[in-house]
Amino acid sequence: MSIRLLSVLFTITGSLMMLTGPVRAGQEAPIAPTLDTKLENTRINVRDKNDTTLTPEDQQENPSDLNITANIRKALVEDKWLSVNAKNVKIITRNGTVTLRGPVENEAEKMQLQHIVKQMAGVVQLDNQLESKAP
């Protein structure tokens, strides 16, 4: 299984868990979030349709960029301080330039992700587009 496929599966699994929430024994998982959910992201989805906004599909397939993305994801998953949201941010690497996108809990977490990426071998530049929920 390729690193890209694993990354996509990891992202999908995390997204599904955020949508359905915890399920207790004997309880059916909800099929879809309710209309009043805080997960509403229509504006973000419209923004992502813009051809200038990078999405995970824009990830370069060369070994160097795939390796950078995999190493960043591994570092995020292993960091016990980070929230689930932070561990599931989008990581897009193109010619050594890493773009981070998605929600994080606060500015401190945003800075922690930035620090992790800047320490990675092969990273030329960082485009930090993370969105903090709280200051």
Protein backbone atom coordinates (compact mmCIF):
# COMPACT_ATOMS: atom_id res chain seq x y z
CA MET A 1 0.00 0.00 0.00
CA SER A 2 1.46 3.39 -0.97
CA ILE A 3 2.21 6.14 1.52
CA ARG A 4 -0.28 8.41 -0.25
CA LEU A 5 -3.06 5.83 0.06
CA LEU A 6 -2.26 5.32 3.74
CA SER A 7 -2.35 9.09 4.29
CA VAL A 8 -5.74 9.33 2.57
CA LEU A 9 -7.12 6.40 4.59
CA PHE A 10 -5.81 7.96 7.82
CA THR A 11 -7.47 11.27 6.94
CA ILE A 12 -10.78 9.61 6.01
CA THR A 13 -10.82 7.51 9.19
CA GLY A 14 -10.12 10.56 11.36
CA SER A 15 -12.80 12.56 9.54
CA LEU A 16 -15.39 9.82 10.00
CA MET A 17 -14.58 9.58 13.69
CA MET A 18 -15.06 13.35 14.06
CA LEU A 19 -18.41 13.19 12.24
CA THR A 20 -19.92 10.29 14.15
CA GLY A 21 -18.36 10.81 17.57
CA PRO A 22 -17.92 8.04 20.11
CA VAL A 23 -20.31 5.09 19.94
CA ARG A 24 -21.10 3.07 23.04
CA ALA A 25 -21.90 -0.65 23.06
CA GLY A 26 -25.48 -1.27 21.97
CA GLN A 27 -25.76 2.18 20.40
CA GLU A 28 -26.03 2.76 16.66
CA ALA A 29 -23.64 5.22 15.09
CA PRO A 30 -25.30 8.28 13.60
CA ILE A 31 -25.38 8.21 9.80
CA ALA A 32 -24.82 11.95 9.31
CA PRO A 33 -24.25 15.00 11.51
CA THR A 34 -27.29 17.03 12.48
CA LEU A 35 -28.03 20.36 10.82
CA ASP A 36 -26.98 22.36 13.87
CA THR A 37 -23.54 20.75 14.05
CA LYS A 38 -20.39 22.82 14.47
CA LEU A 39 -18.86 20.71 11.69
CA GLU A 40 -20.57 22.83 9.03
CA ASN A 41 -17.83 23.83 6.61
CA THR A 42 -19.60 24.88 3.42
CA ARG A 43 -17.53 28.08 3.12
CA ILE A 44 -14.30 26.08 3.39
CA ASN A 45 -15.51 23.60 0.78
CA VAL A 46 -16.31 26.45 -1.63
CA ARG A 47 -12.86 27.91 -1.03
CA ASP A 48 -11.26 24.51 -1.72
CA LYS A 49 -12.89 24.34 -5.16
CA ASN A 50 -10.75 27.31 -6.17
CA ASP A 51 -7.89 26.09 -8.40
CA THR A 52 -5.35 28.14 -6.42
CA THR A 53 -6.04 26.33 -3.13
CA LEU A 54 -3.88 23.26 -2.59
CA THR A 55 -5.61 20.05 -1.57
CA PRO A 56 -4.11 16.62 -0.75
CA GLU A 57 -4.59 15.68 -4.41
CA ASP A 58 -1.86 18.24 -5.22
CA GLN A 59 0.73 16.23 -3.27
CA GLN A 60 3.77 15.52 -5.46
CA GLU A 61 4.43 11.84 -6.11
CA ASN A 62 8.23 12.03 -6.13
CA PRO A 63 10.03 10.05 -3.39
CA SER A 64 11.45 13.14 -1.69
CA ASP A 65 8.10 14.91 -1.23
CA LEU A 66 6.31 11.70 -0.24
CA ASN A 67 9.00 11.03 2.35
CA ILE A 68 8.70 14.55 3.81
CA THR A 69 4.91 14.21 4.09
CA ALA A 70 5.17 10.75 5.68
CA ASN A 71 7.78 11.92 8.21
CA ILE A 72 5.68 14.93 9.19
CA ARG A 73 2.55 12.78 9.62
CA LYS A 74 4.51 10.30 11.75
CA ALA A 75 5.85 13.11 13.96
CA LEU A 76 2.35 14.56 14.43
CA VAL A 77 0.80 11.20 15.29
CA GLU A 78 3.56 10.45 17.81
CA ASP A 79 3.27 13.85 19.53
CA LYS A 80 1.06 13.10 22.54
CA TRP A 81 0.56 16.84 23.23
CA LEU A 82 -1.35 17.45 19.99
CA SER A 83 -5.13 17.24 19.63
CA VAL A 84 -6.87 14.89 17.20
CA ASN A 85 -7.53 17.87 14.92
CA ALA A 86 -3.84 18.75 14.83
CA LYS A 87 -2.86 15.17 14.06
CA ASN A 88 -5.30 15.18 11.12
CA VAL A 89 -4.31 18.41 9.37
CA LYS A 90 -3.74 18.30 5.64
CA ILE A 91 -0.06 18.02 4.71
CA ILE A 92 0.76 18.81 1.09
CA THR A 93 4.39 18.76 -0.07
CA ARG A 94 5.43 20.11 -3.46
CA ASN A 95 9.13 20.43 -4.31
CA GLY A 96 10.07 20.69 -0.62
CA THR A 97 7.43 23.34 0.15
CA VAL A 98 5.02 22.06 2.80
CA THR A 99 1.50 23.43 3.09
CA LEU A 100 -0.40 22.76 6.33
CA ARG A 101 -4.17 23.24 6.28
CA GLY A 102 -6.96 22.52 8.70
CA PRO A 103 -8.21 23.35 12.19
CA VAL A 104 -6.13 23.23 15.36
CA GLU A 105 -7.23 23.93 18.93
CA ASN A 106 -5.21 27.10 19.61
CA GLU A 107 -2.27 29.26 18.56
CA ALA A 108 0.18 27.24 20.70
CA GLU A 109 -0.75 24.09 18.81
CA LYS A 110 -0.41 25.94 15.50
CA MET A 111 3.11 27.02 16.50
CA GLN A 112 3.98 23.46 17.62
CA LEU A 113 3.05 22.08 14.19
CA GLN A 114 5.06 24.82 12.52
CA HIS A 115 8.07 23.96 14.68
CA ILE A 116 7.78 20.23 13.85
CA VAL A 117 7.67 20.91 10.11
CA LYS A 118 10.59 23.34 10.13
CA GLN A 119 12.77 20.72 11.85
CA MET A 120 12.12 18.10 9.12
CA ALA A 121 14.91 17.29 6.71
CA GLY A 122 14.16 18.35 3.14
CA VAL A 123 11.65 21.08 3.98
CA VAL A 124 12.52 24.16 1.95
CA GLN A 125 9.58 26.36 2.90
CA LEU A 126 6.40 26.23 5.02
CA ASP A 127 3.02 27.66 4.05
CA ASN A 128 1.12 27.58 7.35
CA GLN A 129 -2.62 27.87 6.59
CA LEU A 130 -3.74 26.31 9.86
CA GLU A 131 -6.88 27.76 11.46
CA SER A 132 -6.87 28.19 15.23
CA LYS A 133 -10.18 27.65 17.08
CA ALA A 134 -9.02 29.73 20.05
CA PRO A 135 -6.30 32.35 20.66
